[in-house]
Amino acid sequence: MAESTNPLFIPVILGTARQGRQSEHVANFLLSEMKKRPEIETELIDVRQLKMRLDDAGEEMKDPEFAKKMTRADGLAIVTPEYNHGYPGLLKHALDMCLEEYIHKAVGLVGVSAGPFGGSRVIEQLVQVVRELGLTVTFTDVNFSRVGDAFDDQGMLKDEKYVGRVAKFLNELVWMTRVLRHGRENIPPL
C-alpha cells in the first residue's frame, strides 16, 4: 500500500462550554497556526455545539456528526482549561461518545489555566483518559499559564513565546500523526 499524500485532518476540540472561557482564545490561536501549515487540514469542534444526550450512555449518546469527524480524523488537538485540578465534564462526555474511531491516532494536549501551571494537572489526567480511548499522546504539550495575560480582550496573542511553543507542539503532532496514519494504512492489525 502507498502512503497517503492527502493533508492530515487534525481537528481542534475546544473542551469547555463555560461562559467567558479564556480557552477559546487559545483554541482560535492554535487553529490559526495549524491553518498556516499546508500538511494540515483542520476545523474547530466546540463541545458547546455537539449534540450530546445526557440521559443515556453508550452508543445511544453518540453524536453521528462528531463520530464521522473522529473517524475521518488522522489526529486530534484538545484544548482544555483546568477546572479544580481536572478537566470539564462535558469534554469527558464528548470524548466518551466514540471509541473505535480514535484507535491508533495521535492526540496533542493543550492545557489552559488562570494560574501559573498552565493546565499541567488537566493534561496529566487527560493522558489516562485518551490512552484508554486508544489515542497515542504526543510528548510535547502546550501549557498556557496566566491565560488572561497571554491574550488581549479581542483574543489577540500578546505573549509571543507561545508562537514557538505551538510550533514545536505542532511539529511533534504532525510527525506522530503521519507515522500512525502510515501504520493504519500499511500495517494490518495483529
C-alpha atoms as a PDB file:
ATOM      1  CA  MET A   1       0.000   0.000   0.000  1.00  0.00           C
ATOM      2  CA  ALA A   2       1.171   3.527  -0.734  1.00  0.00           C
ATOM      3  CA  GLU A   3       1.291   6.249   1.868  1.00  0.00           C
ATOM      4  CA  SER A   4      -1.432   8.860   1.551  1.00  0.00           C
ATOM      5  CA  THR A   5      -0.331  12.278   0.340  1.00  0.00           C
ATOM      6  CA  ASN A   6      -3.542  13.958   1.453  1.00  0.00           C
ATOM      7  CA  PRO A   7      -3.248  16.593   4.169  1.00  0.00           C
ATOM      8  CA  LEU A   8      -3.611  15.306   7.710  1.00  0.00           C
ATOM      9  CA  PHE A   9      -7.051  16.019   9.133  1.00  0.00           C
ATOM     10  CA  ILE A  10      -6.394  17.179  12.703  1.00  0.00           C
ATOM     11  CA  PRO A  11      -9.408  18.914  14.260  1.00  0.00           C
ATOM     12  CA  VAL A  12      -9.113  21.056  17.383  1.00  0.00           C
ATOM     13  CA  ILE A  13     -11.549  20.164  20.162  1.00  0.00           C
ATOM     14  CA  LEU A  14     -12.399  23.048  22.491  1.00  0.00           C
ATOM     15  CA  GLY A  15     -13.299  21.245  25.690  1.00  0.00           C
ATOM     16  CA  THR A  16     -15.370  23.680  27.716  1.00  0.00           C
ATOM     17  CA  ALA A  17     -18.795  25.265  27.407  1.00  0.00           C
ATOM     18  CA  ARG A  18     -18.432  27.847  30.176  1.00  0.00           C
ATOM     19  CA  GLN A  19     -19.362  31.457  29.576  1.00  0.00           C
ATOM     20  CA  GLY A  20     -16.353  33.779  29.341  1.00  0.00           C
ATOM     21  CA  ARG A  21     -13.996  30.911  28.574  1.00  0.00           C
ATOM     22  CA  GLN A  22     -10.429  32.112  28.041  1.00  0.00           C
ATOM     23  CA  SER A  23      -9.515  28.815  26.393  1.00  0.00           C
ATOM     24  CA  GLU A  24     -11.479  29.917  23.327  1.00  0.00           C
ATOM     25  CA  HIS A  25      -8.658  32.387  22.562  1.00  0.00           C
ATOM     26  CA  VAL A  26      -6.147  29.562  22.832  1.00  0.00           C
ATOM     27  CA  ALA A  27      -8.178  27.281  20.540  1.00  0.00           C
ATOM     28  CA  ASN A  28      -8.547  30.030  17.935  1.00  0.00           C
ATOM     29  CA  PHE A  29      -4.816  30.798  18.072  1.00  0.00           C
ATOM     30  CA  LEU A  30      -3.924  27.118  17.707  1.00  0.00           C
ATOM     31  CA  LEU A  31      -6.370  26.768  14.815  1.00  0.00           C
ATOM     32  CA  SER A  32      -4.836  29.771  13.023  1.00  0.00           C
ATOM     33  CA  GLU A  33      -1.317  28.354  13.434  1.00  0.00           C
ATOM     34  CA  MET A  34      -2.465  24.968  12.100  1.00  0.00           C
ATOM     35  CA  LYS A  35      -4.101  26.587   9.065  1.00  0.00           C
ATOM     36  CA  LYS A  36      -0.711  28.066   8.102  1.00  0.00           C
ATOM     37  CA  ARG A  37       0.614  24.550   7.514  1.00  0.00           C
ATOM     38  CA  PRO A  38      -0.225  23.002   4.137  1.00  0.00           C
ATOM     39  CA  GLU A  39       0.138  19.476   5.543  1.00  0.00           C
ATOM     40  CA  ILE A  40      -2.760  20.066   7.962  1.00  0.00           C
ATOM     41  CA  GLU A  41      -6.473  20.356   7.343  1.00  0.00           C
ATOM     42  CA  THR A  42      -8.306  21.410  10.475  1.00  0.00           C
ATOM     43  CA  GLU A  43     -11.507  22.746  11.959  1.00  0.00           C
ATOM     44  CA  LEU A  44     -12.734  23.737  15.388  1.00  0.00           C
ATOM     45  CA  ILE A  45     -15.037  21.349  17.224  1.00  0.00           C
ATOM     46  CA  ASP A  46     -16.646  23.166  20.138  1.00  0.00           C
ATOM     47  CA  VAL A  47     -18.262  20.997  22.830  1.00  0.00           C
ATOM     48  CA  ARG A  48     -20.970  23.677  23.024  1.00  0.00           C
ATOM     49  CA  GLN A  49     -22.085  22.696  19.527  1.00  0.00           C
ATOM     50  CA  LEU A  50     -22.148  18.914  19.952  1.00  0.00           C
ATOM     51  CA  LYS A  51     -25.459  17.117  20.167  1.00  0.00           C
ATOM     52  CA  MET A  52     -24.886  15.217  23.391  1.00  0.00           C
ATOM     53  CA  ARG A  53     -27.542  13.214  25.127  1.00  0.00           C
ATOM     54  CA  LEU A  54     -27.157  13.443  28.836  1.00  0.00           C
ATOM     55  CA  ASP A  55     -29.813  10.871  29.710  1.00  0.00           C
ATOM     56  CA  ASP A  56     -28.162   7.782  28.231  1.00  0.00           C
ATOM     57  CA  ALA A  57     -24.849   6.041  27.920  1.00  0.00           C
ATOM     58  CA  GLY A  58     -23.033   4.004  25.334  1.00  0.00           C
ATOM     59  CA  GLU A  59     -23.810   4.021  21.641  1.00  0.00           C
ATOM     60  CA  GLU A  60     -27.123   5.846  22.104  1.00  0.00           C
ATOM     61  CA  MET A  61     -25.369   9.024  23.254  1.00  0.00           C
ATOM     62  CA  LYS A  62     -23.146   9.216  20.147  1.00  0.00           C
ATOM     63  CA  ASP A  63     -23.447  12.344  18.001  1.00  0.00           C
ATOM     64  CA  PRO A  64     -23.269  10.936  14.451  1.00  0.00           C
ATOM     65  CA  GLU A  65     -21.582  14.056  13.031  1.00  0.00           C
ATOM     66  CA  PHE A  66     -18.924  14.064  15.743  1.00  0.00           C
ATOM     67  CA  ALA A  67     -18.332  10.332  15.225  1.00  0.00           C
ATOM     68  CA  LYS A  68     -17.965  10.891  11.480  1.00  0.00           C
ATOM     69  CA  LYS A  69     -15.333  13.581  12.097  1.00  0.00           C
ATOM     70  CA  MET A  70     -13.473  11.364  14.561  1.00  0.00           C
ATOM     71  CA  THR A  71     -13.471   8.511  12.035  1.00  0.00           C
ATOM     72  CA  ARG A  72     -12.058  10.839   9.384  1.00  0.00           C
ATOM     73  CA  ALA A  73      -9.514  12.443  11.735  1.00  0.00           C
ATOM     74  CA  ASP A  74      -5.885  11.395  11.485  1.00  0.00           C
ATOM     75  CA  GLY A  75      -5.154  13.002  14.845  1.00  0.00           C
ATOM     76  CA  LEU A  76      -6.604  15.454  17.367  1.00  0.00           C
ATOM     77  CA  ALA A  77      -5.618  18.524  19.320  1.00  0.00           C
ATOM     78  CA  ILE A  78      -7.556  19.059  22.542  1.00  0.00           C
ATOM     79  CA  VAL A  79      -7.625  22.492  24.176  1.00  0.00           C
ATOM     80  CA  THR A  80      -8.956  22.357  27.712  1.00  0.00           C
ATOM     81  CA  PRO A  81      -8.928  24.526  30.776  1.00  0.00           C
ATOM     82  CA  GLU A  82      -8.084  23.143  34.175  1.00  0.00           C
ATOM     83  CA  TYR A  83     -11.078  23.385  36.483  1.00  0.00           C
ATOM     84  CA  ASN A  84     -10.362  22.475  40.113  1.00  0.00           C
ATOM     85  CA  HIS A  85      -7.355  20.361  39.086  1.00  0.00           C
ATOM     86  CA  GLY A  86      -9.372  18.446  36.471  1.00  0.00           C
ATOM     87  CA  TYR A  87     -10.997  18.516  33.062  1.00  0.00           C
ATOM     88  CA  PRO A  88     -14.506  19.733  32.219  1.00  0.00           C
ATOM     89  CA  GLY A  89     -17.210  17.101  32.455  1.00  0.00           C
ATOM     90  CA  LEU A  90     -18.591  17.941  29.010  1.00  0.00           C
ATOM     91  CA  LEU A  91     -15.192  17.240  27.464  1.00  0.00           C
ATOM     92  CA  LYS A  92     -15.146  13.794  29.057  1.00  0.00           C
ATOM     93  CA  HIS A  93     -18.701  13.151  27.937  1.00  0.00           C
ATOM     94  CA  ALA A  94     -17.855  14.240  24.367  1.00  0.00           C
ATOM     95  CA  LEU A  95     -14.761  12.031  24.234  1.00  0.00           C
ATOM     96  CA  ASP A  96     -16.729   9.074  25.606  1.00  0.00           C
ATOM     97  CA  MET A  97     -19.153   9.248  22.663  1.00  0.00           C
ATOM     98  CA  CYS A  98     -16.587   7.458  20.491  1.00  0.00           C
ATOM     99  CA  LEU A  99     -14.120   4.623  20.933  1.00  0.00           C
ATOM    100  CA  GLU A 100     -13.084   2.670  17.850  1.00  0.00           C
ATOM    101  CA  GLU A 101     -12.962   5.983  15.951  1.00  0.00           C
ATOM    102  CA  TYR A 102      -9.857   7.003  17.967  1.00  0.00           C
ATOM    103  CA  ILE A 103      -7.753   3.854  17.834  1.00  0.00           C
ATOM    104  CA  HIS A 104      -4.157   4.342  16.646  1.00  0.00           C
ATOM    105  CA  LYS A 105      -4.465   8.088  16.208  1.00  0.00           C
ATOM    106  CA  ALA A 106      -2.318  10.837  17.721  1.00  0.00           C
ATOM    107  CA  VAL A 107      -3.552  13.440  20.174  1.00  0.00           C
ATOM    108  CA  GLY A 108      -1.828  16.587  21.371  1.00  0.00           C
ATOM    109  CA  LEU A 109      -2.985  18.218  24.604  1.00  0.00           C
ATOM    110  CA  VAL A 110      -3.109  21.948  25.323  1.00  0.00           C
ATOM    111  CA  GLY A 111      -3.736  22.999  28.914  1.00  0.00           C
ATOM    112  CA  VAL A 112      -5.094  26.398  29.906  1.00  0.00           C
ATOM    113  CA  SER A 113      -5.220  27.994  33.335  1.00  0.00           C
ATOM    114  CA  ALA A 114      -5.539  31.350  35.005  1.00  0.00           C
ATOM    115  CA  GLY A 115      -2.741  30.333  37.363  1.00  0.00           C
ATOM    116  CA  PRO A 116       0.966  29.629  36.975  1.00  0.00           C
ATOM    117  CA  PHE A 117       0.874  25.964  35.946  1.00  0.00           C
ATOM    118  CA  GLY A 118      -0.862  26.228  32.572  1.00  0.00           C
ATOM    119  CA  GLY A 119      -3.148  23.274  32.962  1.00  0.00           C
ATOM    120  CA  SER A 120      -0.408  20.788  33.894  1.00  0.00           C
ATOM    121  CA  ARG A 121      -2.755  18.796  36.101  1.00  0.00           C
ATOM    122  CA  VAL A 122      -5.517  18.607  33.486  1.00  0.00           C
ATOM    123  CA  ILE A 123      -3.014  17.285  30.944  1.00  0.00           C
ATOM    124  CA  GLU A 124      -1.776  14.663  33.410  1.00  0.00           C
ATOM    125  CA  GLN A 125      -5.351  13.484  33.974  1.00  0.00           C
ATOM    126  CA  LEU A 126      -6.320  13.530  30.301  1.00  0.00           C
ATOM    127  CA  VAL A 127      -3.353  11.337  29.352  1.00  0.00           C
ATOM    128  CA  GLN A 128      -5.004   8.473  31.242  1.00  0.00           C
ATOM    129  CA  VAL A 129      -8.376   9.090  29.592  1.00  0.00           C
ATOM    130  CA  VAL A 130      -7.221   9.422  25.985  1.00  0.00           C
ATOM    131  CA  ARG A 131      -4.875   6.452  26.303  1.00  0.00           C
ATOM    132  CA  GLU A 132      -7.799   4.297  27.395  1.00  0.00           C
ATOM    133  CA  LEU A 133      -9.704   5.511  24.316  1.00  0.00           C
ATOM    134  CA  GLY A 134      -6.935   4.209  22.033  1.00  0.00           C
ATOM    135  CA  LEU A 135      -5.250   7.522  21.273  1.00  0.00           C
ATOM    136  CA  THR A 136      -1.474   7.996  21.353  1.00  0.00           C
ATOM    137  CA  VAL A 137      -0.372  11.106  23.243  1.00  0.00           C
ATOM    138  CA  THR A 138       2.439  13.274  21.922  1.00  0.00           C
ATOM    139  CA  PHE A 139       5.228  14.000  24.370  1.00  0.00           C
ATOM    140  CA  THR A 140       5.096  17.731  23.591  1.00  0.00           C
ATOM    141  CA  ASP A 141       2.226  19.593  25.230  1.00  0.00           C
ATOM    142  CA  VAL A 142       1.493  23.302  25.377  1.00  0.00           C
ATOM    143  CA  ASN A 143       0.651  24.959  28.680  1.00  0.00           C
ATOM    144  CA  PHE A 144      -0.962  28.400  28.621  1.00  0.00           C
ATOM    145  CA  SER A 145      -0.298  29.849  32.077  1.00  0.00           C
ATOM    146  CA  ARG A 146      -1.976  33.045  33.231  1.00  0.00           C
ATOM    147  CA  VAL A 147      -4.049  32.947  30.066  1.00  0.00           C
ATOM    148  CA  GLY A 148      -5.566  36.337  30.841  1.00  0.00           C
ATOM    149  CA  ASP A 149      -2.103  37.869  30.321  1.00  0.00           C
ATOM    150  CA  ALA A 150      -1.382  35.940  27.109  1.00  0.00           C
ATOM    151  CA  PHE A 151      -4.270  37.418  25.071  1.00  0.00           C
ATOM    152  CA  ASP A 152      -5.974  40.791  24.874  1.00  0.00           C
ATOM    153  CA  ASP A 153      -9.733  41.290  25.210  1.00  0.00           C
ATOM    154  CA  GLN A 154     -10.245  40.630  21.491  1.00  0.00           C
ATOM    155  CA  GLY A 155      -8.387  37.320  21.689  1.00  0.00           C
ATOM    156  CA  MET A 156      -5.174  38.543  20.040  1.00  0.00           C
ATOM    157  CA  LEU A 157      -1.964  36.970  21.294  1.00  0.00           C
ATOM    158  CA  LYS A 158       0.131  39.318  23.438  1.00  0.00           C
ATOM    159  CA  ASP A 159       2.827  36.877  24.557  1.00  0.00           C
ATOM    160  CA  GLU A 160       4.919  35.845  21.539  1.00  0.00           C
ATOM    161  CA  LYS A 161       6.662  32.997  23.388  1.00  0.00           C
ATOM    162  CA  TYR A 162       3.620  30.878  22.549  1.00  0.00           C
ATOM    163  CA  VAL A 163       4.338  31.047  18.811  1.00  0.00           C
ATOM    164  CA  GLY A 164       7.486  28.937  19.228  1.00  0.00           C
ATOM    165  CA  ARG A 165       5.877  26.621  21.775  1.00  0.00           C
ATOM    166  CA  VAL A 166       2.932  25.924  19.477  1.00  0.00           C
ATOM    167  CA  ALA A 167       5.275  25.365  16.514  1.00  0.00           C
ATOM    168  CA  LYS A 168       7.204  22.729  18.482  1.00  0.00           C
ATOM    169  CA  PHE A 169       3.913  21.147  19.610  1.00  0.00           C
ATOM    170  CA  LEU A 170       2.608  21.016  16.030  1.00  0.00           C
ATOM    171  CA  ASN A 171       5.866  19.581  14.676  1.00  0.00           C
ATOM    172  CA  GLU A 172       5.540  16.635  17.050  1.00  0.00           C
ATOM    173  CA  LEU A 173       1.797  16.237  16.471  1.00  0.00           C
ATOM    174  CA  VAL A 174       2.266  16.198  12.679  1.00  0.00           C
ATOM    175  CA  TRP A 175       5.134  13.707  12.878  1.00  0.00           C
ATOM    176  CA  MET A 176       3.261  11.314  15.143  1.00  0.00           C
ATOM    177  CA  THR A 177       0.055  11.682  13.134  1.00  0.00           C
ATOM    178  CA  ARG A 178       1.937  10.818   9.920  1.00  0.00           C
ATOM    179  CA  VAL A 179       3.545   7.767  11.500  1.00  0.00           C
ATOM    180  CA  LEU A 180       0.250   6.456  12.850  1.00  0.00           C
ATOM    181  CA  ARG A 181      -1.591   7.114   9.583  1.00  0.00           C
ATOM    182  CA  HIS A 182       1.149   5.227   7.736  1.00  0.00           C
ATOM    183  CA  GLY A 183       0.704   2.351  10.171  1.00  0.00           C
ATOM    184  CA  ARG A 184      -3.079   2.293   9.807  1.00  0.00           C
ATOM    185  CA  GLU A 185      -2.788   2.362   6.005  1.00  0.00           C
ATOM    186  CA  ASN A 186       0.068  -0.125   5.606  1.00  0.00           C
ATOM    187  CA  ILE A 187       0.351  -2.459   8.576  1.00  0.00           C
ATOM    188  CA  PRO A 188      -2.550  -4.807   9.281  1.00  0.00           C
ATOM    189  CA  PRO A 189      -3.550  -5.134  12.953  1.00  0.00           C
ATOM    190  CA  LEU A 190      -2.487  -8.307  14.713  1.00  0.00           C
END
